[in-house]
Amino acid sequence: MLIQQAPIIVEVLEQPQATRDISLDVVLGMFSMAGVLLLFALVGGLIVGGVTIVVRRARDKKADLSTESDHVRLQL
């Protein structure tokens, strides 16, 4: 009826002993990656903050200050 295929034989060699030690390279890599991510977050935050301040100051200069209102401007 059906032709039977030859079985697949896998040769298993002796496995090396598992180690639980974390090498110094891995630890330094983790801390350096965290430092790079923190640096990117800091630079991104400074850029967004600077753009926000510049846009608000430009908007306030263009605003008509001759009209009186009940609002208090903080002049930041």
N, C-alpha and C. Protein backbone atom coordinates (compact mmCIF):
# COMPACT_ATOMS: atom_id res chain seq x y z
N MET A 1 0.82 -1.18 0.00
CA MET A 1 0.00 0.00 0.00
C MET A 1 0.87 1.26 0.00
N LEU A 2 1.18 1.73 1.16
CA LEU A 2 2.01 2.93 1.25
C LEU A 2 3.46 2.53 1.44
N ILE A 3 4.32 3.27 0.80
CA ILE A 3 5.74 2.99 0.96
C ILE A 3 6.22 3.67 2.24
N GLN A 4 6.84 2.90 3.10
CA GLN A 4 7.28 3.43 4.38
C GLN A 4 8.65 4.06 4.21
N GLN A 5 8.81 5.29 4.77
CA GLN A 5 10.09 5.98 4.67
C GLN A 5 11.05 5.45 5.72
N ALA A 6 12.33 5.66 5.46
CA ALA A 6 13.35 5.24 6.43
C ALA A 6 13.26 6.15 7.65
N PRO A 7 13.42 5.60 8.84
CA PRO A 7 13.33 6.42 10.05
C PRO A 7 14.49 7.43 10.12
N ILE A 8 14.20 8.56 10.75
CA ILE A 8 15.22 9.59 10.94
C ILE A 8 15.98 9.27 12.22
N ILE A 9 17.28 9.16 12.11
CA ILE A 9 18.11 8.83 13.27
C ILE A 9 18.93 10.06 13.62
N VAL A 10 18.83 10.49 14.88
CA VAL A 10 19.57 11.65 15.36
C VAL A 10 20.58 11.17 16.38
N GLU A 11 21.83 11.55 16.16
CA GLU A 11 22.89 11.15 17.07
C GLU A 11 23.04 12.24 18.14
N VAL A 12 22.85 11.87 19.41
CA VAL A 12 22.92 12.82 20.51
C VAL A 12 24.28 12.70 21.17
N LEU A 13 25.01 13.79 21.17
CA LEU A 13 26.31 13.81 21.82
C LEU A 13 26.15 14.27 23.26
N GLU A 14 27.18 14.14 24.04
CA GLU A 14 27.12 14.53 25.45
C GLU A 14 27.00 16.04 25.55
N GLN A 15 26.03 16.49 26.34
CA GLN A 15 25.77 17.91 26.52
C GLN A 15 26.77 18.50 27.52
N PRO A 16 27.21 19.74 27.30
CA PRO A 16 28.08 20.37 28.29
C PRO A 16 27.28 20.71 29.54
N GLN A 17 27.97 20.80 30.65
CA GLN A 17 27.31 21.12 31.91
C GLN A 17 26.76 22.54 31.86
N ALA A 18 25.54 22.71 32.35
CA ALA A 18 24.92 24.03 32.37
C ALA A 18 25.53 24.86 33.48
N THR A 19 25.82 26.11 33.18
CA THR A 19 26.39 27.00 34.19
C THR A 19 25.37 28.05 34.55
N ARG A 20 25.37 28.44 35.78
CA ARG A 20 24.44 29.46 36.25
C ARG A 20 25.12 30.81 36.41
N ASP A 21 26.38 30.88 36.14
CA ASP A 21 27.12 32.12 36.32
C ASP A 21 26.82 33.09 35.18
N ILE A 22 26.67 34.35 35.54
CA ILE A 22 26.52 35.40 34.54
C ILE A 22 27.89 36.03 34.40
N SER A 23 28.38 36.08 33.20
CA SER A 23 29.71 36.62 32.99
C SER A 23 29.71 38.14 33.15
N LEU A 24 30.87 38.67 33.38
CA LEU A 24 31.02 40.11 33.55
C LEU A 24 30.64 40.86 32.28
N ASP A 25 30.87 40.25 31.14
CA ASP A 25 30.51 40.88 29.87
C ASP A 25 29.00 41.10 29.76
N VAL A 26 28.24 40.14 30.23
CA VAL A 26 26.78 40.26 30.17
C VAL A 26 26.30 41.38 31.08
N VAL A 27 26.87 41.46 32.29
CA VAL A 27 26.47 42.50 33.25
C VAL A 27 26.84 43.88 32.70
N LEU A 28 28.04 44.03 32.18
CA LEU A 28 28.45 45.31 31.61
C LEU A 28 27.60 45.67 30.40
N GLY A 29 27.23 44.69 29.62
CA GLY A 29 26.37 44.94 28.47
C GLY A 29 24.99 45.43 28.89
N MET A 30 24.45 44.85 29.96
CA MET A 30 23.13 45.28 30.44
C MET A 30 23.18 46.73 30.92
N PHE A 31 24.20 47.06 31.72
CA PHE A 31 24.29 48.42 32.25
C PHE A 31 24.59 49.44 31.15
N SER A 32 25.39 49.06 30.17
CA SER A 32 25.66 50.00 29.09
C SER A 32 24.42 50.23 28.24
N MET A 33 23.62 49.19 28.01
CA MET A 33 22.38 49.35 27.25
C MET A 33 21.40 50.23 28.01
N ALA A 34 21.30 50.03 29.32
CA ALA A 34 20.42 50.88 30.13
C ALA A 34 20.90 52.32 30.11
N GLY A 35 22.20 52.53 30.16
CA GLY A 35 22.75 53.88 30.11
C GLY A 35 22.46 54.56 28.78
N VAL A 36 22.58 53.83 27.69
CA VAL A 36 22.30 54.40 26.37
C VAL A 36 20.83 54.76 26.26
N LEU A 37 19.95 53.90 26.76
CA LEU A 37 18.52 54.20 26.70
C LEU A 37 18.17 55.42 27.55
N LEU A 38 18.79 55.54 28.73
CA LEU A 38 18.56 56.71 29.57
C LEU A 38 19.08 57.98 28.90
N LEU A 39 20.20 57.88 28.23
CA LEU A 39 20.76 59.03 27.53
C LEU A 39 19.83 59.47 26.40
N PHE A 40 19.29 58.51 25.63
CA PHE A 40 18.34 58.85 24.57
C PHE A 40 17.08 59.49 25.15
N ALA A 41 16.61 58.98 26.28
CA ALA A 41 15.41 59.56 26.91
C ALA A 41 15.69 60.98 27.38
N LEU A 42 16.86 61.22 27.94
CA LEU A 42 17.22 62.56 28.40
C LEU A 42 17.31 63.54 27.23
N VAL A 43 17.98 63.14 26.17
CA VAL A 43 18.12 64.02 25.00
C VAL A 43 16.75 64.28 24.37
N GLY A 44 15.93 63.24 24.26
CA GLY A 44 14.59 63.42 23.70
C GLY A 44 13.74 64.35 24.55
N GLY A 45 13.82 64.20 25.87
CA GLY A 45 13.06 65.07 26.77
C GLY A 45 13.50 66.52 26.67
N LEU A 46 14.82 66.73 26.57
CA LEU A 46 15.32 68.10 26.43
C LEU A 46 14.88 68.72 25.11
N ILE A 47 14.89 67.94 24.05
CA ILE A 47 14.45 68.46 22.75
C ILE A 47 12.97 68.82 22.78
N VAL A 48 12.14 67.93 23.31
CA VAL A 48 10.70 68.20 23.37
C VAL A 48 10.42 69.40 24.27
N GLY A 49 11.11 69.49 25.41
CA GLY A 49 10.92 70.63 26.31
C GLY A 49 11.34 71.93 25.67
N GLY A 50 12.48 71.92 24.97
CA GLY A 50 12.94 73.13 24.30
C GLY A 50 11.99 73.59 23.21
N VAL A 51 11.50 72.65 22.42
CA VAL A 51 10.55 72.99 21.36
C VAL A 51 9.26 73.54 21.96
N THR A 52 8.80 72.96 23.05
CA THR A 52 7.59 73.43 23.70
C THR A 52 7.75 74.86 24.19
N ILE A 53 8.89 75.16 24.82
CA ILE A 53 9.13 76.51 25.32
C ILE A 53 9.22 77.51 24.18
N VAL A 54 9.92 77.16 23.11
CA VAL A 54 10.06 78.07 21.97
C VAL A 54 8.71 78.33 21.32
N VAL A 55 7.90 77.31 21.16
CA VAL A 55 6.58 77.48 20.54
C VAL A 55 5.69 78.36 21.40
N ARG A 56 5.72 78.16 22.71
CA ARG A 56 4.87 78.98 23.59
C ARG A 56 5.31 80.44 23.59
N ARG A 57 6.62 80.66 23.61
CA ARG A 57 7.10 82.04 23.59
C ARG A 57 6.76 82.72 22.27
N ALA A 58 6.88 82.00 21.17
CA ALA A 58 6.53 82.57 19.86
C ALA A 58 5.03 82.86 19.80
N ARG A 59 4.22 81.97 20.35
CA ARG A 59 2.77 82.17 20.35
C ARG A 59 2.39 83.37 21.21
N ASP A 60 3.08 83.54 22.35
CA ASP A 60 2.77 84.67 23.23
C ASP A 60 3.18 86.00 22.60
N LYS A 61 4.26 86.01 21.81
CA LYS A 61 4.67 87.25 21.15
C LYS A 61 3.67 87.65 20.07
N LYS A 62 3.08 86.67 19.41
CA LYS A 62 2.11 86.95 18.35
C LYS A 62 0.73 87.31 18.91
N ALA A 63 0.47 86.93 20.15
CA ALA A 63 -0.85 87.16 20.73
C ALA A 63 -1.08 88.65 20.92
N ASP A 64 -2.33 89.05 20.78
CA ASP A 64 -2.69 90.46 20.97
C ASP A 64 -2.82 90.71 22.47
N LEU A 65 -1.87 91.48 23.03
CA LEU A 65 -1.87 91.74 24.46
C LEU A 65 -2.65 93.00 24.82
N SER A 66 -3.22 93.67 23.83
CA SER A 66 -3.94 94.91 24.10
C SER A 66 -5.30 94.66 24.75
N THR A 67 -5.87 93.50 24.55
CA THR A 67 -7.18 93.21 25.14
C THR A 67 -7.00 92.74 26.57
N GLU A 68 -7.79 93.28 27.44
CA GLU A 68 -7.75 92.89 28.85
C GLU A 68 -8.58 91.62 29.05
N SER A 69 -8.12 90.77 29.92
CA SER A 69 -8.88 89.56 30.23
C SER A 69 -8.78 89.30 31.72
N ASP A 70 -9.56 88.37 32.18
CA ASP A 70 -9.56 88.01 33.59
C ASP A 70 -8.46 87.00 33.92
N HIS A 71 -7.74 86.57 32.92
CA HIS A 71 -6.71 85.55 33.13
C HIS A 71 -5.41 86.20 33.59
N VAL A 72 -4.70 85.49 34.43
CA VAL A 72 -3.41 85.96 34.92
C VAL A 72 -2.32 85.25 34.12
N ARG A 73 -1.43 86.01 33.51
CA ARG A 73 -0.31 85.43 32.77
C ARG A 73 0.87 85.31 33.72
N LEU A 74 1.51 84.16 33.69
CA LEU A 74 2.64 83.92 34.59
C LEU A 74 3.95 84.46 34.02
N GLN A 75 3.98 84.78 32.76
CA GLN A 75 5.17 85.30 32.09
C GLN A 75 6.37 84.38 32.26
N LEU A 76 6.15 83.10 32.03
CA LEU A 76 7.24 82.12 32.15
C LEU A 76 8.09 82.11 30.92
